[in-house]
Amino acid sequence: MRPHIDATACRAEKALRATDPTEPLLIIQDTSYLNYSHHPSTAGLGEISKFKDRISDGRILRACGLLLHSSLALTTDGIPLGFLDQKLWTRTRPIGVVTKSGWNFTRIPIEEKESFRWIEAMRNSSVRISDPGRLIHIGDREADIFELFGEAKAQGTHFVIRLKTQQRCVEGGGRIFDQVETVSPKGRYKLRVRKSDGSYRIAKVEVKFYPVAILPSVSKKKLDSISAWVIAVIETGAPKGVEKIDWKLLTDLPVRSFESACEKIYWYEKRWQIEVFHKVLKSGCRVLDCRLQDAARLIRYVGVMTVVAWRIFWMTTISRHAPELKPEAVMAPSEMATLNLYVRSRKQRLTAQSSAHDWIRSLASLGGFLGRKCDAEPGPFVLWRGYLRLQDIMLGISLVPP
C-alpha cells in the first residue's frame, strides 16, 4: 500500500492546489469486516463478530476473518483520489476476553483499545498533507470518540462525525442533545434517500444547530473540553413503517447559518462513497472468494486488491464527473493499445482525441456493457469484468512470438 498512499498524497496535493483555498478535501474513514468463515482451513484468522456462524460440517463457531480500516481521500465532487491510510489486521484474542486492566473498559487507555485505529488514521493522513487544515475527516457513529476530537485539534485538522451517544456532558450542565428540542429549526430542505429495494424517496428534513463545549468523562478528567457545533437533521412527516432520518452531527467548524450547516451535511452525505468502495472490493473483485490458507498471505492479497478496486471505482466516477479527461489519465499505454485492437475488430474506432469517457465505455463493453441510448453509464461491476478480460487479452498478445 505504501506506493499507492504516496501517489494518493501527490494527487491530493495537486487537487488542493487546483481548487479555491477554501475548498476542503474529505477524508472518509470506515471499518469493514471481511468474513472468511466459509474457509475454515485458513490459519491465523481472528473473530470479527460476537455472533455465531454455522459452517458446513455442522459446527457452530463465531465468524472469523480480517478487519479493514481505510481513509479514503475524496473531493467535494465525490471523486475518490485514493487512500491516505489503511490498516488491515486480525484479532489476536477472542471477543469478550478480559484485558489486563480488568472489566472496567472506560479506564483502559485509548492506545490499548481497538478504536485507537481512528486516531491513528487521522494522525497518519494529516501528516501526509502539507496543509492539514483543509482536511475534513468524516466518520459514522463508531467514530464518536472523545480522544478523536482532541486529536483533530492537535493535528490542526477538522471533522464531521455522526454522534452515537447522548450521554456526553456539556458545560453549563445537561447533555449534548438537550437543546435539540428547544432550538427552533433554521431551515428545511428535501433529501433524496435510497430505499432497500434500490428505488428512491424524497424526505423532508429540518435543520437545527447550536454550539456546545463537550466535557470529558469522569475517567478522562485530565483532557480538555472540546468546543464544537451540533447539527441536527430530522425528518418530518416520514411515511409509516419507514425509519425516519435523525442525524446528529458534530463538527469543530463554525456553523452560523443555514447554508453553512447544509454544507457540512452535504460533506457527511459523501460518507456513503466508502460503502460503495467496499461493495466493489467484496462483490466486484470478490476478495472473499480467495482461498489462501494463511492470514498473512491473505492480508497481502487484500492489500493489492484494494488498489485494484479503487482504480475500478475511480474510473467509474471519472466517467460520470470528468468525462472530458484525456484517456492517458485513466489507462496505461499498453492497455490503450490493446483496447484499440479490440474495438477495431468490432468495426469501432478510438483515437487519441477520444475522451476518457469514450475509452471507459469501450472497456465496459468487454464486460458486457451494451451502450444503448437507454442505458445508464457503466457501473463498477461491468468495468471489473471488462478489466479482467482486457488483462487476459494483453497476456495472450504478450505470448505471441515476435
Protein backbone atom coordinates (compact mmCIF):
# COMPACT_ATOMS: atom_id res chain seq x y z
CA MET A 1 0.00 0.00 0.00
CA ARG A 2 2.93 2.39 0.51
CA PRO A 3 3.34 3.37 -3.18
CA HIS A 4 -0.41 3.86 -3.51
CA ILE A 5 -0.56 6.01 -0.37
CA ASP A 6 2.33 8.17 -1.62
CA ALA A 7 0.65 8.56 -5.03
CA THR A 8 -2.63 9.47 -3.29
CA ALA A 9 -0.85 12.18 -1.29
CA CYS A 10 0.52 13.64 -4.56
CA ARG A 11 -2.95 13.58 -6.15
CA ALA A 12 -4.43 15.21 -3.06
CA GLU A 13 -1.82 17.98 -3.08
CA LYS A 14 -2.50 18.67 -6.77
CA ALA A 15 -6.24 18.73 -6.14
CA LEU A 16 -5.84 21.21 -3.28
CA ARG A 17 -3.59 23.47 -5.37
CA ALA A 18 -6.03 23.39 -8.29
CA THR A 19 -9.04 24.48 -6.23
CA ASP A 20 -10.02 27.51 -4.21
CA PRO A 21 -8.09 27.82 -0.89
CA THR A 22 -11.38 27.47 0.97
CA GLU A 23 -12.23 24.19 -0.78
CA PRO A 24 -11.56 21.21 1.52
CA LEU A 25 -10.60 17.61 0.90
CA LEU A 26 -12.78 14.97 2.53
CA ILE A 27 -11.18 12.02 4.32
CA ILE A 28 -13.78 9.27 4.76
CA GLN A 29 -12.91 6.78 7.50
CA ASP A 30 -14.67 3.46 7.93
CA THR A 31 -14.10 -0.12 9.06
CA SER A 32 -15.17 -3.14 7.03
CA TYR A 33 -15.22 -6.77 8.12
CA LEU A 34 -14.06 -9.45 5.69
CA ASN A 35 -15.77 -12.71 6.65
CA TYR A 36 -13.79 -15.84 5.78
CA SER A 37 -15.74 -18.27 7.96
CA HIS A 38 -16.53 -20.29 4.84
CA HIS A 39 -12.78 -21.07 4.54
CA PRO A 40 -12.14 -22.81 7.90
CA SER A 41 -8.76 -24.15 6.77
CA THR A 42 -7.26 -20.64 6.60
CA ALA A 43 -4.88 -20.27 9.56
CA GLY A 44 -4.37 -17.12 11.59
CA LEU A 45 -7.81 -15.55 11.25
CA GLY A 46 -9.44 -13.84 14.24
CA GLU A 47 -13.02 -13.32 15.36
CA ILE A 48 -14.87 -10.45 13.70
CA SER A 49 -18.24 -10.78 15.40
CA LYS A 50 -19.70 -11.81 18.73
CA PHE A 51 -22.49 -13.63 16.87
CA LYS A 52 -22.14 -17.30 15.97
CA ASP A 53 -21.91 -18.52 12.40
CA ARG A 54 -22.83 -22.06 11.28
CA ILE A 55 -20.44 -23.75 8.84
CA SER A 56 -20.88 -26.75 6.56
CA ASP A 57 -19.87 -29.60 8.88
CA GLY A 58 -22.45 -28.63 11.50
CA ARG A 59 -20.11 -26.98 13.97
CA ILE A 60 -21.16 -23.60 15.32
CA LEU A 61 -18.37 -21.04 15.57
CA ARG A 62 -18.08 -17.28 15.70
CA ALA A 63 -17.48 -15.51 12.39
CA CYS A 64 -13.77 -15.08 11.66
CA GLY A 65 -11.82 -13.06 9.13
CA LEU A 66 -9.97 -9.78 8.67
CA LEU A 67 -10.67 -6.19 9.67
CA LEU A 68 -10.03 -3.37 7.20
CA HIS A 69 -9.92 0.28 8.27
CA SER A 70 -9.41 2.78 5.45
CA SER A 71 -9.11 6.54 4.99
CA LEU A 72 -10.42 7.41 1.53
CA ALA A 73 -9.46 10.83 0.14
CA LEU A 74 -12.42 12.33 -1.69
CA THR A 75 -13.02 15.64 -3.43
CA THR A 76 -16.20 17.50 -2.58
CA ASP A 77 -17.45 16.49 -6.03
CA GLY A 78 -17.18 12.84 -4.98
CA ILE A 79 -14.08 11.82 -6.97
CA PRO A 80 -12.01 9.23 -4.99
CA LEU A 81 -8.31 10.12 -5.10
CA GLY A 82 -7.13 7.02 -3.25
CA PHE A 83 -6.23 6.05 0.31
CA LEU A 84 -4.13 8.18 2.63
CA ASP A 85 -4.04 5.43 5.26
CA GLN A 86 -5.10 1.83 5.64
CA LYS A 87 -4.87 -0.78 8.37
CA LEU A 88 -5.60 -4.46 7.78
CA TRP A 89 -5.32 -6.87 10.69
CA THR A 90 -6.68 -9.90 12.54
CA ARG A 91 -7.78 -10.03 16.16
CA THR A 92 -5.34 -11.99 18.29
CA ARG A 93 -7.81 -12.80 21.06
CA PRO A 94 -11.49 -13.76 21.09
CA ILE A 95 -14.11 -11.04 21.52
CA GLY A 96 -15.06 -10.52 25.16
CA VAL A 97 -11.80 -11.70 26.71
CA VAL A 98 -10.88 -9.61 29.76
CA THR A 99 -7.96 -7.24 29.19
CA LYS A 100 -5.13 -6.75 31.66
CA SER A 101 -6.94 -3.70 33.04
CA GLY A 102 -9.94 -5.79 34.12
CA TRP A 103 -13.60 -5.34 33.27
CA ASN A 104 -13.68 -1.53 33.60
CA PHE A 105 -13.14 -0.74 29.93
CA THR A 106 -13.66 3.01 30.46
CA ARG A 107 -10.34 3.21 32.30
CA ILE A 108 -8.31 1.47 29.62
CA PRO A 109 -6.00 3.92 27.79
CA ILE A 110 -7.22 4.65 24.29
CA GLU A 111 -3.88 3.39 22.91
CA GLU A 112 -4.77 -0.12 24.15
CA LYS A 113 -8.21 -0.11 22.55
CA GLU A 114 -9.09 -1.24 19.05
CA SER A 115 -10.83 2.11 18.49
CA PHE A 116 -7.38 3.77 18.51
CA ARG A 117 -7.32 2.98 14.77
CA TRP A 118 -9.49 6.07 14.17
CA ILE A 119 -6.92 8.30 15.84
CA GLU A 120 -4.02 6.61 14.05
CA ALA A 121 -5.72 7.09 10.69
CA MET A 122 -6.38 10.79 11.38
CA ARG A 123 -2.78 11.28 12.52
CA ASN A 124 -1.26 9.48 9.54
CA SER A 125 -3.50 11.20 7.00
CA SER A 126 -2.82 14.66 8.43
CA VAL A 127 0.98 14.37 8.34
CA ARG A 128 0.93 13.32 4.67
CA ILE A 129 -0.70 16.58 3.55
CA SER A 130 1.15 19.89 3.72
CA ASP A 131 -1.99 21.78 4.85
CA PRO A 132 -3.98 19.51 7.21
CA GLY A 133 -6.30 22.43 7.95
CA ARG A 134 -8.01 21.75 4.61
CA LEU A 135 -8.83 18.14 5.53
CA ILE A 136 -12.30 17.24 6.81
CA HIS A 137 -12.43 13.81 8.46
CA ILE A 138 -15.84 12.16 8.05
CA GLY A 139 -17.00 9.26 10.22
CA ASP A 140 -20.12 7.42 11.28
CA ARG A 141 -21.28 6.77 14.85
CA GLU A 142 -18.35 4.41 15.50
CA ALA A 143 -16.09 7.48 15.31
CA ASP A 144 -17.82 9.17 18.27
CA ILE A 145 -14.63 9.09 20.36
CA PHE A 146 -13.67 11.99 22.64
CA GLU A 147 -9.94 11.49 22.09
CA LEU A 148 -10.52 11.70 18.32
CA PHE A 149 -11.96 15.21 18.73
CA GLY A 150 -8.88 16.26 20.69
CA GLU A 151 -6.57 14.68 18.10
CA ALA A 152 -8.13 16.84 15.38
CA LYS A 153 -7.27 19.94 17.38
CA ALA A 154 -3.72 18.70 17.96
CA GLN A 155 -3.19 17.97 14.24
CA GLY A 156 -4.77 21.24 13.12
CA THR A 157 -7.39 19.39 11.06
CA HIS A 158 -11.21 19.22 11.20
CA PHE A 159 -14.01 16.67 11.44
CA VAL A 160 -17.70 15.99 10.83
CA ILE A 161 -18.76 12.99 12.93
CA ARG A 162 -22.18 11.48 13.48
CA LEU A 163 -22.83 11.28 17.21
CA LYS A 164 -23.73 7.97 18.80
CA THR A 165 -24.28 8.69 22.47
CA GLN A 166 -26.45 11.37 24.02
CA GLN A 167 -24.82 10.95 27.43
CA ARG A 168 -21.96 13.37 26.77
CA CYS A 169 -21.97 16.22 29.28
CA VAL A 170 -21.58 19.84 28.21
CA GLU A 171 -20.50 22.97 30.02
CA GLY A 172 -23.35 24.67 31.83
CA GLY A 173 -24.92 21.35 32.77
CA GLY A 174 -27.05 18.91 30.85
CA ARG A 175 -26.44 16.53 27.99
CA ILE A 176 -25.38 17.18 24.43
CA PHE A 177 -28.82 16.55 22.86
CA ASP A 178 -30.85 18.53 25.40
CA GLN A 179 -31.08 21.61 23.18
CA VAL A 180 -32.38 19.76 20.13
CA GLU A 181 -35.99 20.05 21.31
CA THR A 182 -35.74 23.69 22.37
CA VAL A 183 -33.82 25.12 19.39
CA SER A 184 -36.06 26.24 16.54
CA PRO A 185 -35.39 24.94 13.00
CA LYS A 186 -33.08 27.19 10.99
CA GLY A 187 -34.34 25.88 7.64
CA ARG A 188 -35.83 22.98 5.72
CA TYR A 189 -34.95 21.16 2.52
CA LYS A 190 -35.65 17.94 0.63
CA LEU A 191 -33.27 15.00 0.67
CA ARG A 192 -33.17 12.12 -1.83
CA VAL A 193 -32.97 8.84 0.10
CA ARG A 194 -32.34 5.42 -1.40
CA LYS A 195 -34.65 2.63 -0.21
CA SER A 196 -33.74 -1.01 0.35
CA ASP A 197 -35.23 -2.07 -3.00
CA GLY A 198 -32.97 0.34 -4.90
CA SER A 199 -35.60 3.00 -5.57
CA TYR A 200 -35.58 6.48 -4.07
CA ARG A 201 -37.89 8.57 -1.94
CA ILE A 202 -37.92 12.27 -1.13
CA ALA A 203 -37.53 13.07 2.58
CA LYS A 204 -38.41 16.48 4.02
CA VAL A 205 -35.93 17.37 6.76
CA GLU A 206 -35.45 20.30 9.08
CA VAL A 207 -32.05 21.52 10.22
CA LYS A 208 -31.09 22.78 13.68
CA PHE A 209 -27.67 23.75 15.02
CA TYR A 210 -26.13 25.14 18.19
CA PRO A 211 -22.67 25.44 19.81
CA VAL A 212 -21.54 23.19 22.65
CA ALA A 213 -18.48 22.65 24.84
CA ILE A 214 -18.14 18.91 25.44
CA LEU A 215 -16.68 17.79 28.74
CA PRO A 216 -14.57 14.63 29.10
CA SER A 217 -15.96 11.69 31.05
CA VAL A 218 -15.07 11.09 34.69
CA SER A 219 -12.30 8.65 33.73
CA LYS A 220 -10.72 11.27 31.40
CA LYS A 221 -10.68 14.33 33.65
CA LYS A 222 -7.18 15.29 32.55
CA LEU A 223 -8.37 16.00 29.00
CA ASP A 224 -9.55 19.46 27.94
CA SER A 225 -13.10 20.24 26.91
CA ILE A 226 -13.88 20.39 23.18
CA SER A 227 -15.68 23.35 21.59
CA ALA A 228 -17.84 22.24 18.68
CA TRP A 229 -21.20 22.63 16.95
CA VAL A 230 -24.08 20.14 16.86
CA ILE A 231 -26.10 19.89 13.63
CA ALA A 232 -29.40 18.03 13.88
CA VAL A 233 -31.05 16.75 10.70
CA ILE A 234 -34.56 15.47 11.50
CA GLU A 235 -37.11 14.19 9.02
CA THR A 236 -40.69 15.44 9.31
CA GLY A 237 -43.68 13.53 8.01
CA ALA A 238 -41.87 10.25 7.39
CA PRO A 239 -44.04 7.53 5.78
CA LYS A 240 -45.47 4.91 8.09
CA GLY A 241 -43.19 1.93 8.56
CA VAL A 242 -40.10 3.83 7.35
CA GLU A 243 -37.28 4.70 9.73
CA LYS A 244 -37.05 8.47 9.68
CA ILE A 245 -33.80 10.34 9.19
CA ASP A 246 -32.38 11.50 12.50
CA TRP A 247 -28.76 12.59 12.21
CA LYS A 248 -26.88 14.33 15.00
CA LEU A 249 -23.60 15.59 13.56
CA LEU A 250 -20.70 17.12 15.46
CA THR A 251 -18.12 19.41 13.83
CA ASP A 252 -15.38 21.66 15.08
CA LEU A 253 -16.02 24.09 12.22
CA PRO A 254 -18.22 27.13 12.93
CA VAL A 255 -21.86 26.80 11.85
CA ARG A 256 -23.56 30.20 11.94
CA SER A 257 -26.02 29.96 9.06
CA PHE A 258 -28.37 27.51 7.41
CA GLU A 259 -26.15 27.42 4.29
CA SER A 260 -23.09 26.57 6.40
CA ALA A 261 -24.99 23.74 8.12
CA CYS A 262 -26.15 22.34 4.75
CA GLU A 263 -22.54 22.38 3.57
CA LYS A 264 -21.47 20.11 6.46
CA ILE A 265 -24.47 17.84 5.88
CA TYR A 266 -23.51 17.56 2.22
CA TRP A 267 -20.00 16.52 3.24
CA TYR A 268 -21.37 13.86 5.56
CA GLU A 269 -23.59 12.50 2.79
CA LYS A 270 -20.39 11.72 0.85
CA ARG A 271 -19.53 9.13 3.51
CA TRP A 272 -21.59 6.62 1.55
CA GLN A 273 -18.86 6.57 -1.11
CA ILE A 274 -16.66 4.35 1.02
CA GLU A 275 -19.53 1.89 1.36
CA VAL A 276 -19.68 1.77 -2.45
CA PHE A 277 -15.94 1.03 -2.49
CA HIS A 278 -16.40 -1.82 -0.01
CA LYS A 279 -19.08 -3.27 -2.28
CA VAL A 280 -16.73 -3.07 -5.26
CA LEU A 281 -13.98 -4.79 -3.24
CA LYS A 282 -16.18 -7.60 -1.91
CA SER A 283 -18.81 -8.18 -4.59
CA GLY A 284 -16.95 -6.86 -7.65
CA CYS A 285 -13.39 -8.02 -7.05
CA ARG A 286 -14.69 -10.94 -4.96
CA VAL A 287 -11.91 -10.89 -2.38
CA LEU A 288 -13.99 -13.11 -0.09
CA ASP A 289 -13.55 -15.98 -2.56
CA CYS A 290 -9.79 -16.07 -2.06
CA ARG A 291 -8.67 -19.45 -0.68
CA LEU A 292 -5.17 -18.67 0.57
CA GLN A 293 -4.55 -20.78 3.66
CA ASP A 294 -2.58 -18.27 5.72
CA ALA A 295 -3.85 -14.95 7.11
CA ALA A 296 -0.54 -13.14 6.40
CA ARG A 297 -0.76 -14.02 2.70
CA LEU A 298 -4.45 -13.12 2.69
CA ILE A 299 -3.65 -9.68 4.10
CA ARG A 300 -1.15 -9.03 1.29
CA TYR A 301 -3.67 -10.21 -1.29
CA VAL A 302 -6.41 -7.92 0.04
CA GLY A 303 -3.94 -5.02 0.07
CA VAL A 304 -3.23 -5.50 -3.63
CA MET A 305 -6.92 -5.91 -4.47
CA THR A 306 -7.70 -2.73 -2.54
CA VAL A 307 -5.70 -0.74 -5.08
CA VAL A 308 -7.34 -2.56 -7.99
CA ALA A 309 -10.83 -1.98 -6.55
CA TRP A 310 -10.03 1.70 -6.04
CA ARG A 311 -8.97 2.03 -9.68
CA ILE A 312 -12.24 0.46 -10.88
CA PHE A 313 -14.21 2.72 -8.52
CA TRP A 314 -12.20 5.75 -9.67
CA MET A 315 -12.78 5.04 -13.37
CA THR A 316 -16.50 4.67 -12.71
CA THR A 317 -16.60 8.07 -11.03
CA ILE A 318 -14.35 9.80 -13.58
CA SER A 319 -16.56 8.60 -16.43
CA ARG A 320 -19.50 10.43 -14.85
CA HIS A 321 -17.93 13.51 -13.26
CA ALA A 322 -14.97 14.33 -15.51
CA PRO A 323 -15.66 12.71 -18.92
CA GLU A 324 -13.55 15.28 -20.78
CA LEU A 325 -10.25 13.99 -19.33
CA LYS A 326 -7.62 12.60 -21.65
CA PRO A 327 -7.52 8.78 -21.84
CA GLU A 328 -3.89 8.74 -20.63
CA ALA A 329 -5.20 9.84 -17.23
CA VAL A 330 -7.12 6.60 -16.72
CA MET A 331 -5.30 3.95 -18.77
CA ALA A 332 -1.75 2.82 -19.38
CA PRO A 333 -0.41 2.99 -22.98
CA SER A 334 -0.29 -0.82 -23.25
CA GLU A 335 -3.93 -1.03 -22.12
CA MET A 336 -4.96 1.62 -24.64
CA ALA A 337 -3.15 -0.17 -27.49
CA THR A 338 -4.80 -3.49 -26.62
CA LEU A 339 -8.25 -1.97 -26.23
CA ASN A 340 -7.85 -0.20 -29.56
CA LEU A 341 -7.19 -3.53 -31.27
CA TYR A 342 -10.36 -4.93 -29.75
CA VAL A 343 -12.63 -2.05 -30.82
CA ARG A 344 -11.20 -2.17 -34.36
CA SER A 345 -12.16 -5.82 -34.58
CA ARG A 346 -15.70 -4.72 -33.83
CA LYS A 347 -15.53 -2.02 -36.52
CA GLN A 348 -15.43 0.74 -33.92
CA ARG A 349 -12.85 3.48 -33.58
CA LEU A 350 -10.97 5.18 -30.78
CA THR A 351 -8.47 7.96 -31.39
CA ALA A 352 -6.07 9.99 -29.30
CA GLN A 353 -8.69 12.75 -29.37
CA SER A 354 -11.33 10.46 -27.83
CA SER A 355 -12.14 11.37 -24.23
CA ALA A 356 -11.64 9.18 -21.18
CA HIS A 357 -15.41 8.70 -21.18
CA ASP A 358 -15.27 7.01 -24.61
CA TRP A 359 -12.37 4.75 -23.63
CA ILE A 360 -14.04 3.71 -20.36
CA ARG A 361 -17.27 2.82 -22.18
CA SER A 362 -15.24 0.70 -24.61
CA LEU A 363 -13.57 -1.04 -21.67
CA ALA A 364 -17.01 -1.69 -20.17
CA SER A 365 -18.12 -3.28 -23.46
CA LEU A 366 -15.54 -6.01 -22.79
CA GLY A 367 -17.50 -6.78 -19.63
CA GLY A 368 -20.88 -6.94 -21.36
CA PHE A 369 -21.93 -3.28 -21.43
CA LEU A 370 -24.16 -2.70 -24.48
CA GLY A 371 -24.03 1.09 -24.57
CA ARG A 372 -27.58 1.60 -25.84
CA LYS A 373 -29.17 5.03 -25.73
CA CYS A 374 -31.43 3.96 -22.88
CA ASP A 375 -28.54 2.54 -20.82
CA ALA A 376 -27.03 4.44 -17.93
CA GLU A 377 -23.30 4.89 -17.54
CA PRO A 378 -21.36 1.64 -16.85
CA GLY A 379 -21.02 0.66 -13.22
CA PRO A 380 -18.07 -0.81 -11.30
CA PHE A 381 -19.09 -4.46 -11.74
CA VAL A 382 -19.20 -4.38 -15.54
CA LEU A 383 -15.94 -2.39 -15.56
CA TRP A 384 -14.33 -5.04 -13.36
CA ARG A 385 -15.35 -7.79 -15.79
CA GLY A 386 -14.07 -5.73 -18.72
CA TYR A 387 -10.79 -5.02 -16.94
CA LEU A 388 -10.22 -8.73 -16.25
CA ARG A 389 -10.88 -9.59 -19.88
CA LEU A 390 -8.53 -6.82 -21.04
CA GLN A 391 -5.73 -8.27 -18.89
CA ASP A 392 -6.34 -11.72 -20.43
CA ILE A 393 -6.11 -10.25 -23.94
CA MET A 394 -2.88 -8.45 -23.02
CA LEU A 395 -1.44 -11.69 -21.66
CA GLY A 396 -2.34 -13.51 -24.89
CA ILE A 397 -0.66 -10.83 -27.02
CA SER A 398 2.49 -10.97 -24.89
CA LEU A 399 2.78 -14.71 -25.54
CA VAL A 400 2.80 -14.30 -29.34
CA PRO A 401 6.38 -14.79 -30.65
CA PRO A 402 7.92 -11.63 -32.15
